[in-house]
Amino acid sequence: MKAVLGDTVIAEAPREDLISIEGNWYFPPAGVHQELLVESPTPYTCPWKGECQYFTVQVGGDRFADRAWSYPHPYPSGIERVGKDFSGYVAFWKEIRVID
């Protein structure tokens, strides 16, 4: 599967390596083009997943604030709920499409 913005692939991994959480596909860290992401200062803590790290996605000269996020250190109860460790996995929204 791929996360794409226009013609730019931001993340890519086989479907079996992704994790689906609440309708969002989370890509493993190794499949994400980290050079396209810049850490955002936007704070958020999910009551069951833990502290979130948002990212601004940069493609060409365009910046898309908070369009990617990750849980670097999810709560153990969140990992148990999901059934797999999703530490550092990255999800996307809005303009970034996830396709097969």
N, C-alpha and C. Protein backbone atom coordinates (compact mmCIF):
# COMPACT_ATOMS: atom_id res chain seq x y z
N MET A 1 0.85 -1.17 0.00
CA MET A 1 0.00 0.00 0.00
C MET A 1 0.89 1.24 0.00
N LYS A 2 0.33 2.34 -0.42
CA LYS A 2 1.08 3.59 -0.50
C LYS A 2 0.27 4.73 0.09
N ALA A 3 0.97 5.67 0.72
CA ALA A 3 0.40 6.95 1.11
C ALA A 3 0.97 7.96 0.12
N VAL A 4 0.09 8.63 -0.61
CA VAL A 4 0.54 9.52 -1.67
C VAL A 4 -0.08 10.90 -1.53
N LEU A 5 0.69 11.88 -1.93
CA LEU A 5 0.23 13.26 -2.01
C LEU A 5 0.56 13.73 -3.41
N GLY A 6 -0.46 13.88 -4.24
CA GLY A 6 -0.22 14.15 -5.66
C GLY A 6 0.48 12.94 -6.26
N ASP A 7 1.67 13.17 -6.83
CA ASP A 7 2.46 12.08 -7.41
C ASP A 7 3.57 11.60 -6.48
N THR A 8 3.64 12.16 -5.29
CA THR A 8 4.72 11.83 -4.37
C THR A 8 4.31 10.74 -3.39
N VAL A 9 5.10 9.68 -3.34
CA VAL A 9 4.87 8.60 -2.38
C VAL A 9 5.53 9.00 -1.07
N ILE A 10 4.74 9.06 -0.01
CA ILE A 10 5.23 9.45 1.31
C ILE A 10 5.56 8.23 2.14
N ALA A 11 4.81 7.15 1.93
CA ALA A 11 5.06 5.90 2.64
C ALA A 11 4.62 4.74 1.75
N GLU A 12 5.30 3.59 1.94
CA GLU A 12 4.95 2.42 1.14
C GLU A 12 5.35 1.17 1.91
N ALA A 13 4.45 0.22 1.96
CA ALA A 13 4.71 -1.05 2.64
C ALA A 13 3.64 -2.06 2.22
N PRO A 14 3.95 -3.36 2.31
CA PRO A 14 2.93 -4.36 2.04
C PRO A 14 1.78 -4.24 3.04
N ARG A 15 0.58 -4.53 2.59
CA ARG A 15 -0.61 -4.41 3.43
C ARG A 15 -0.44 -5.16 4.75
N GLU A 16 0.19 -6.33 4.71
CA GLU A 16 0.33 -7.12 5.94
C GLU A 16 1.25 -6.46 6.97
N ASP A 17 2.04 -5.46 6.56
CA ASP A 17 2.91 -4.75 7.49
C ASP A 17 2.23 -3.52 8.10
N LEU A 18 1.08 -3.11 7.55
CA LEU A 18 0.35 -1.97 8.08
C LEU A 18 -0.57 -2.41 9.22
N ILE A 19 -0.97 -1.44 10.04
CA ILE A 19 -1.91 -1.69 11.12
C ILE A 19 -3.08 -0.73 10.94
N SER A 20 -4.29 -1.27 11.00
CA SER A 20 -5.48 -0.44 10.90
C SER A 20 -5.98 -0.14 12.31
N ILE A 21 -6.08 1.16 12.62
CA ILE A 21 -6.57 1.60 13.92
C ILE A 21 -7.62 2.68 13.68
N GLU A 22 -8.81 2.46 14.14
CA GLU A 22 -9.90 3.41 14.04
C GLU A 22 -10.08 3.97 12.62
N GLY A 23 -9.96 3.09 11.63
CA GLY A 23 -10.18 3.49 10.25
C GLY A 23 -8.99 4.15 9.57
N ASN A 24 -7.86 4.23 10.25
CA ASN A 24 -6.64 4.81 9.66
C ASN A 24 -5.59 3.72 9.48
N TRP A 25 -4.87 3.78 8.36
CA TRP A 25 -3.77 2.86 8.12
C TRP A 25 -2.49 3.45 8.69
N TYR A 26 -1.82 2.68 9.51
CA TYR A 26 -0.55 3.08 10.11
C TYR A 26 0.58 2.32 9.41
N PHE A 27 1.53 3.08 8.85
CA PHE A 27 2.66 2.50 8.13
C PHE A 27 3.83 2.28 9.07
N PRO A 28 4.57 1.16 8.87
CA PRO A 28 5.73 0.92 9.72
C PRO A 28 6.80 1.99 9.45
N PRO A 29 7.58 2.34 10.47
CA PRO A 29 8.58 3.40 10.31
C PRO A 29 9.52 3.19 9.12
N ALA A 30 9.91 1.94 8.85
CA ALA A 30 10.83 1.67 7.74
C ALA A 30 10.24 1.98 6.38
N GLY A 31 8.90 2.03 6.28
CA GLY A 31 8.25 2.31 5.01
C GLY A 31 7.93 3.78 4.77
N VAL A 32 8.30 4.64 5.72
CA VAL A 32 7.95 6.06 5.64
C VAL A 32 9.17 6.86 5.18
N HIS A 33 8.96 7.75 4.22
CA HIS A 33 10.03 8.65 3.76
C HIS A 33 10.14 9.79 4.77
N GLN A 34 10.92 9.54 5.81
CA GLN A 34 11.04 10.47 6.93
C GLN A 34 11.51 11.86 6.50
N GLU A 35 12.24 11.95 5.41
CA GLU A 35 12.73 13.24 4.94
C GLU A 35 11.60 14.18 4.51
N LEU A 36 10.41 13.63 4.31
CA LEU A 36 9.25 14.45 3.93
C LEU A 36 8.44 14.92 5.12
N LEU A 37 8.83 14.47 6.34
CA LEU A 37 8.09 14.81 7.55
C LEU A 37 8.93 15.71 8.46
N VAL A 38 8.28 16.71 9.03
CA VAL A 38 8.92 17.60 10.00
C VAL A 38 8.06 17.59 11.26
N GLU A 39 8.68 17.33 12.40
CA GLU A 39 7.93 17.28 13.65
C GLU A 39 7.17 18.58 13.89
N SER A 40 5.93 18.44 14.32
CA SER A 40 5.06 19.57 14.61
C SER A 40 4.97 19.74 16.13
N PRO A 41 4.80 20.98 16.59
CA PRO A 41 4.64 21.20 18.03
C PRO A 41 3.21 20.97 18.53
N THR A 42 2.30 20.60 17.64
CA THR A 42 0.90 20.42 18.04
C THR A 42 0.79 19.31 19.09
N PRO A 43 0.24 19.62 20.26
CA PRO A 43 0.12 18.61 21.30
C PRO A 43 -1.19 17.83 21.20
N TYR A 44 -1.12 16.55 21.52
CA TYR A 44 -2.33 15.75 21.63
C TYR A 44 -1.99 14.48 22.39
N THR A 45 -2.87 14.08 23.27
CA THR A 45 -2.73 12.80 23.95
C THR A 45 -4.05 12.06 23.83
N CYS A 46 -4.00 10.90 23.20
CA CYS A 46 -5.18 10.06 23.07
C CYS A 46 -5.40 9.34 24.40
N PRO A 47 -6.64 9.28 24.88
CA PRO A 47 -6.88 8.65 26.17
C PRO A 47 -6.49 7.18 26.23
N TRP A 48 -6.46 6.49 25.08
CA TRP A 48 -6.10 5.07 25.15
C TRP A 48 -4.83 4.71 24.38
N LYS A 49 -4.39 5.56 23.43
CA LYS A 49 -3.15 5.26 22.69
C LYS A 49 -1.93 5.92 23.31
N GLY A 50 -2.10 7.12 23.88
CA GLY A 50 -0.98 7.81 24.50
C GLY A 50 -0.66 9.13 23.83
N GLU A 51 0.56 9.61 24.07
CA GLU A 51 1.00 10.90 23.54
C GLU A 51 1.32 10.78 22.05
N CYS A 52 0.75 11.69 21.30
CA CYS A 52 0.87 11.69 19.84
C CYS A 52 1.95 12.68 19.38
N GLN A 53 2.65 12.32 18.32
CA GLN A 53 3.58 13.23 17.66
C GLN A 53 3.01 13.52 16.28
N TYR A 54 2.66 14.79 16.03
CA TYR A 54 2.20 15.19 14.70
C TYR A 54 3.38 15.60 13.84
N PHE A 55 3.17 15.54 12.53
CA PHE A 55 4.19 15.94 11.56
C PHE A 55 3.57 16.82 10.48
N THR A 56 4.35 17.79 10.01
CA THR A 56 4.02 18.54 8.81
C THR A 56 4.63 17.78 7.64
N VAL A 57 3.84 17.57 6.60
CA VAL A 57 4.32 16.88 5.40
C VAL A 57 4.79 17.95 4.41
N GLN A 58 6.02 17.81 3.95
CA GLN A 58 6.60 18.76 2.98
C GLN A 58 6.83 18.05 1.65
N VAL A 59 6.17 18.56 0.61
CA VAL A 59 6.34 18.02 -0.73
C VAL A 59 6.58 19.20 -1.65
N GLY A 60 7.75 19.20 -2.29
CA GLY A 60 8.13 20.34 -3.11
C GLY A 60 8.20 21.56 -2.21
N GLY A 61 7.56 22.63 -2.59
CA GLY A 61 7.53 23.83 -1.76
C GLY A 61 6.29 23.93 -0.89
N ASP A 62 5.46 22.90 -0.91
CA ASP A 62 4.21 22.93 -0.16
C ASP A 62 4.36 22.25 1.20
N ARG A 63 3.69 22.83 2.20
CA ARG A 63 3.69 22.27 3.56
C ARG A 63 2.25 21.98 3.97
N PHE A 64 2.04 20.81 4.52
CA PHE A 64 0.71 20.38 4.96
C PHE A 64 0.81 20.06 6.45
N ALA A 65 0.40 21.03 7.26
CA ALA A 65 0.56 20.93 8.71
C ALA A 65 -0.29 19.82 9.31
N ASP A 66 0.34 19.05 10.18
CA ASP A 66 -0.33 18.02 10.99
C ASP A 66 -1.09 16.99 10.15
N ARG A 67 -0.57 16.66 8.99
CA ARG A 67 -1.23 15.67 8.13
C ARG A 67 -0.73 14.26 8.39
N ALA A 68 0.25 14.12 9.27
CA ALA A 68 0.74 12.79 9.65
C ALA A 68 0.91 12.76 11.16
N TRP A 69 0.76 11.57 11.73
CA TRP A 69 0.95 11.45 13.18
C TRP A 69 1.43 10.05 13.53
N SER A 70 1.98 9.98 14.73
CA SER A 70 2.55 8.73 15.22
C SER A 70 2.44 8.70 16.74
N TYR A 71 2.54 7.52 17.28
CA TYR A 71 2.60 7.34 18.74
C TYR A 71 3.94 6.68 19.04
N PRO A 72 4.97 7.50 19.36
CA PRO A 72 6.31 6.94 19.59
C PRO A 72 6.36 5.95 20.75
N HIS A 73 5.57 6.20 21.79
CA HIS A 73 5.57 5.33 22.97
C HIS A 73 4.12 5.13 23.43
N PRO A 74 3.36 4.30 22.69
CA PRO A 74 1.96 4.11 23.06
C PRO A 74 1.83 3.42 24.43
N TYR A 75 0.68 3.65 25.04
CA TYR A 75 0.40 2.99 26.31
C TYR A 75 0.39 1.47 26.11
N PRO A 76 0.92 0.71 27.07
CA PRO A 76 0.84 -0.75 26.97
C PRO A 76 -0.60 -1.25 26.77
N SER A 77 -1.56 -0.60 27.42
CA SER A 77 -2.96 -1.01 27.25
C SER A 77 -3.44 -0.73 25.82
N GLY A 78 -2.89 0.30 25.17
CA GLY A 78 -3.23 0.59 23.78
C GLY A 78 -2.69 -0.48 22.85
N ILE A 79 -1.45 -0.90 23.11
CA ILE A 79 -0.85 -1.98 22.31
C ILE A 79 -1.67 -3.25 22.47
N GLU A 80 -2.07 -3.52 23.70
CA GLU A 80 -2.88 -4.71 23.96
C GLU A 80 -4.22 -4.61 23.22
N ARG A 81 -4.83 -3.45 23.24
CA ARG A 81 -6.12 -3.25 22.58
C ARG A 81 -6.02 -3.45 21.07
N VAL A 82 -4.93 -2.94 20.47
CA VAL A 82 -4.72 -3.07 19.02
C VAL A 82 -4.29 -4.49 18.66
N GLY A 83 -3.57 -5.13 19.57
CA GLY A 83 -3.10 -6.48 19.31
C GLY A 83 -1.74 -6.55 18.65
N LYS A 84 -1.10 -5.39 18.50
CA LYS A 84 0.23 -5.33 17.88
C LYS A 84 0.88 -4.03 18.32
N ASP A 85 2.20 -4.07 18.50
CA ASP A 85 2.93 -2.87 18.89
C ASP A 85 2.98 -1.90 17.71
N PHE A 86 2.39 -0.73 17.87
CA PHE A 86 2.36 0.26 16.79
C PHE A 86 3.28 1.45 17.09
N SER A 87 4.26 1.26 17.95
CA SER A 87 5.22 2.32 18.29
C SER A 87 5.90 2.85 17.03
N GLY A 88 5.81 4.16 16.81
CA GLY A 88 6.48 4.79 15.68
C GLY A 88 5.80 4.63 14.34
N TYR A 89 4.73 3.86 14.27
CA TYR A 89 4.00 3.73 13.01
C TYR A 89 3.36 5.08 12.68
N VAL A 90 3.22 5.39 11.39
CA VAL A 90 2.74 6.71 10.97
C VAL A 90 1.45 6.58 10.16
N ALA A 91 0.48 7.43 10.51
CA ALA A 91 -0.80 7.50 9.78
C ALA A 91 -0.92 8.88 9.13
N PHE A 92 -1.83 8.97 8.15
CA PHE A 92 -1.99 10.19 7.37
C PHE A 92 -3.47 10.52 7.22
N TRP A 93 -3.76 11.81 6.88
CA TRP A 93 -5.14 12.20 6.63
C TRP A 93 -5.23 13.38 5.67
N LYS A 94 -6.45 13.73 5.35
CA LYS A 94 -6.83 14.81 4.43
C LYS A 94 -6.29 14.56 3.02
N GLU A 95 -5.39 15.42 2.55
CA GLU A 95 -4.93 15.34 1.14
C GLU A 95 -4.13 14.09 0.83
N ILE A 96 -3.65 13.42 1.84
CA ILE A 96 -2.80 12.24 1.62
C ILE A 96 -3.68 11.01 1.52
N ARG A 97 -3.63 10.39 0.36
CA ARG A 97 -4.47 9.23 0.09
C ARG A 97 -3.69 7.94 0.35
N VAL A 98 -4.35 6.96 0.94
CA VAL A 98 -3.76 5.64 1.09
C VAL A 98 -4.42 4.74 0.06
N ILE A 99 -3.58 4.17 -0.81
CA ILE A 99 -4.08 3.36 -1.92
C ILE A 99 -3.35 2.01 -1.94
N ASP A 100 -4.00 1.03 -2.60
CA ASP A 100 -3.37 -0.31 -2.78
C ASP A 100 -2.33 -0.24 -3.87
